[in-house]
């Protein structure tokens, strides 16, 4: 930044048009400026940066809104799928008792003890 640039930033000095700035720079540098060289003000650059920053936040908010909506729909679909599933009924448990003693079979005839 030169001393004149600082004065222009504070509002002092004369505002030059783009064509005149190109002519002055060409005279100072001693050669013609490239055709694709862009000359703009600091205020314009800051305004563009601020606009891009705001658009970035707006895009982020829209992305988050869509993501939350998608997650909500997925949760509703999962809940509906659970509701459509068959219900499992629990049967009451019976008390477990010890198994009955085995019944004694009568001895076959002829094997009776004497």
Protein backbone atom coordinates (compact mmCIF):
# COMPACT_ATOMS: atom_id res chain seq x y z
CA UNK A 1 0.00 0.00 0.00
CA UNK A 2 1.37 3.38 -0.90
CA UNK A 3 0.82 6.67 0.84
CA UNK A 4 -1.74 7.66 -1.82
CA UNK A 5 -3.64 4.36 -1.42
CA UNK A 6 -3.99 5.04 2.30
CA UNK A 7 -5.42 8.49 1.58
CA UNK A 8 -7.91 7.02 -0.89
CA UNK A 9 -9.01 4.45 1.70
CA UNK A 10 -9.85 7.24 4.14
CA UNK A 11 -11.88 9.09 1.52
CA UNK A 12 -9.24 11.63 0.60
CA UNK A 13 -7.87 12.18 -2.85
CA UNK A 14 -9.49 12.12 -6.23
CA UNK A 15 -11.40 9.07 -7.48
CA UNK A 16 -10.12 7.91 -10.82
CA UNK A 17 -12.05 5.96 -13.44
CA UNK A 18 -10.84 2.51 -14.50
CA UNK A 19 -9.54 3.77 -17.87
CA UNK A 20 -7.60 6.55 -16.19
CA UNK A 21 -6.13 4.18 -13.59
CA UNK A 22 -4.96 1.90 -16.42
CA UNK A 23 -3.35 4.89 -18.18
CA UNK A 24 -1.58 6.04 -14.98
CA UNK A 25 -0.32 2.51 -14.21
CA UNK A 26 0.88 2.05 -17.78
CA UNK A 27 2.81 5.32 -17.51
CA UNK A 28 4.32 4.36 -14.15
CA UNK A 29 5.27 0.82 -15.14
CA UNK A 30 6.48 1.66 -18.62
CA UNK A 31 4.52 -1.11 -20.34
CA UNK A 32 0.91 -1.81 -21.24
CA UNK A 33 -1.22 -3.64 -18.73
CA UNK A 34 -2.64 -7.05 -19.70
CA UNK A 35 -6.22 -6.94 -20.99
CA UNK A 36 -7.39 -9.47 -18.37
CA UNK A 37 -6.14 -7.35 -15.43
CA UNK A 38 -9.10 -6.33 -13.26
CA UNK A 39 -9.05 -3.03 -11.43
CA UNK A 40 -11.53 -2.68 -8.58
CA UNK A 41 -11.89 -0.81 -5.33
CA UNK A 42 -11.30 -2.22 -1.87
CA UNK A 43 -14.91 -1.40 -0.97
CA UNK A 44 -16.18 -3.48 -3.89
CA UNK A 45 -14.00 -6.43 -2.88
CA UNK A 46 -15.24 -6.20 0.72
CA UNK A 47 -18.86 -5.99 -0.46
CA UNK A 48 -18.37 -9.12 -2.61
CA UNK A 49 -16.71 -10.97 0.27
CA UNK A 50 -19.53 -9.98 2.64
CA UNK A 51 -22.15 -11.13 0.12
CA UNK A 52 -20.38 -14.45 -0.42
CA UNK A 53 -20.08 -14.95 3.35
CA UNK A 54 -23.80 -14.29 3.82
CA UNK A 55 -24.70 -16.66 0.98
CA UNK A 56 -22.50 -19.34 2.50
CA UNK A 57 -24.36 -19.12 5.80
CA UNK A 58 -27.70 -19.10 4.01
CA UNK A 59 -26.69 -22.23 2.09
CA UNK A 60 -25.59 -23.90 5.33
CA UNK A 61 -28.90 -23.13 7.03
CA UNK A 62 -30.82 -24.54 4.04
CA UNK A 63 -28.64 -27.68 4.07
CA UNK A 64 -29.27 -28.21 7.79
CA UNK A 65 -33.02 -27.65 7.35
CA UNK A 66 -33.15 -30.31 4.61
CA UNK A 67 -31.04 -32.71 6.69
CA UNK A 68 -33.27 -32.34 9.76
CA UNK A 69 -36.40 -32.81 7.62
CA UNK A 70 -34.89 -35.95 6.06
CA UNK A 71 -34.01 -37.39 9.49
CA UNK A 72 -37.52 -36.64 10.77
CA UNK A 73 -39.06 -38.46 7.79
CA UNK A 74 -36.77 -41.45 8.33
CA UNK A 75 -37.74 -41.62 12.01
CA UNK A 76 -41.44 -41.49 11.11
CA UNK A 77 -41.00 -44.26 8.53
CA UNK A 78 -39.14 -46.44 11.04
CA UNK A 79 -41.87 -45.86 13.64
CA UNK A 80 -44.56 -46.78 11.08
CA UNK A 81 -42.63 -49.94 10.12
CA UNK A 82 -42.44 -50.96 13.79
CA UNK A 83 -46.17 -50.39 14.19
CA UNK A 84 -46.90 -52.63 11.17
CA UNK A 85 -44.96 -55.56 12.61
CA UNK A 86 -46.80 -58.44 14.32
CA UNK A 87 -47.28 -58.09 18.00
CA UNK A 88 -45.72 -60.79 20.19
CA UNK A 89 -47.92 -61.91 23.02
CA UNK A 90 -46.21 -63.17 26.13
CA UNK A 91 -47.73 -66.29 27.66
CA UNK A 92 -47.79 -66.55 31.44
CA UNK A 93 -45.09 -68.81 32.79
CA UNK A 94 -46.16 -71.86 34.73
CA UNK A 95 -44.47 -72.62 37.98
CA UNK A 96 -41.94 -75.34 37.54
CA UNK A 97 -42.37 -78.13 40.01
CA UNK A 98 -40.08 -81.03 40.62
CA UNK A 99 -40.82 -83.92 38.26
CA UNK A 100 -43.08 -86.62 39.70
CA UNK A 101 -41.39 -89.73 41.06
CA UNK A 102 -41.32 -92.50 38.48
CA UNK A 103 -44.09 -95.03 38.97
CA UNK A 104 -43.00 -98.51 39.90
CA UNK A 105 -43.96 -101.14 37.47
CA UNK A 106 -45.29 -104.36 38.91
CA UNK A 107 -42.83 -107.23 38.67
CA UNK A 108 -43.55 -109.68 35.88
CA UNK A 109 -45.23 -112.93 37.00
CA UNK A 110 -42.79 -115.59 37.98
CA UNK A 111 -40.15 -113.18 39.17
CA UNK A 112 -41.70 -112.73 42.52
CA UNK A 113 -39.35 -112.98 45.44
CA UNK A 114 -39.76 -116.01 47.61
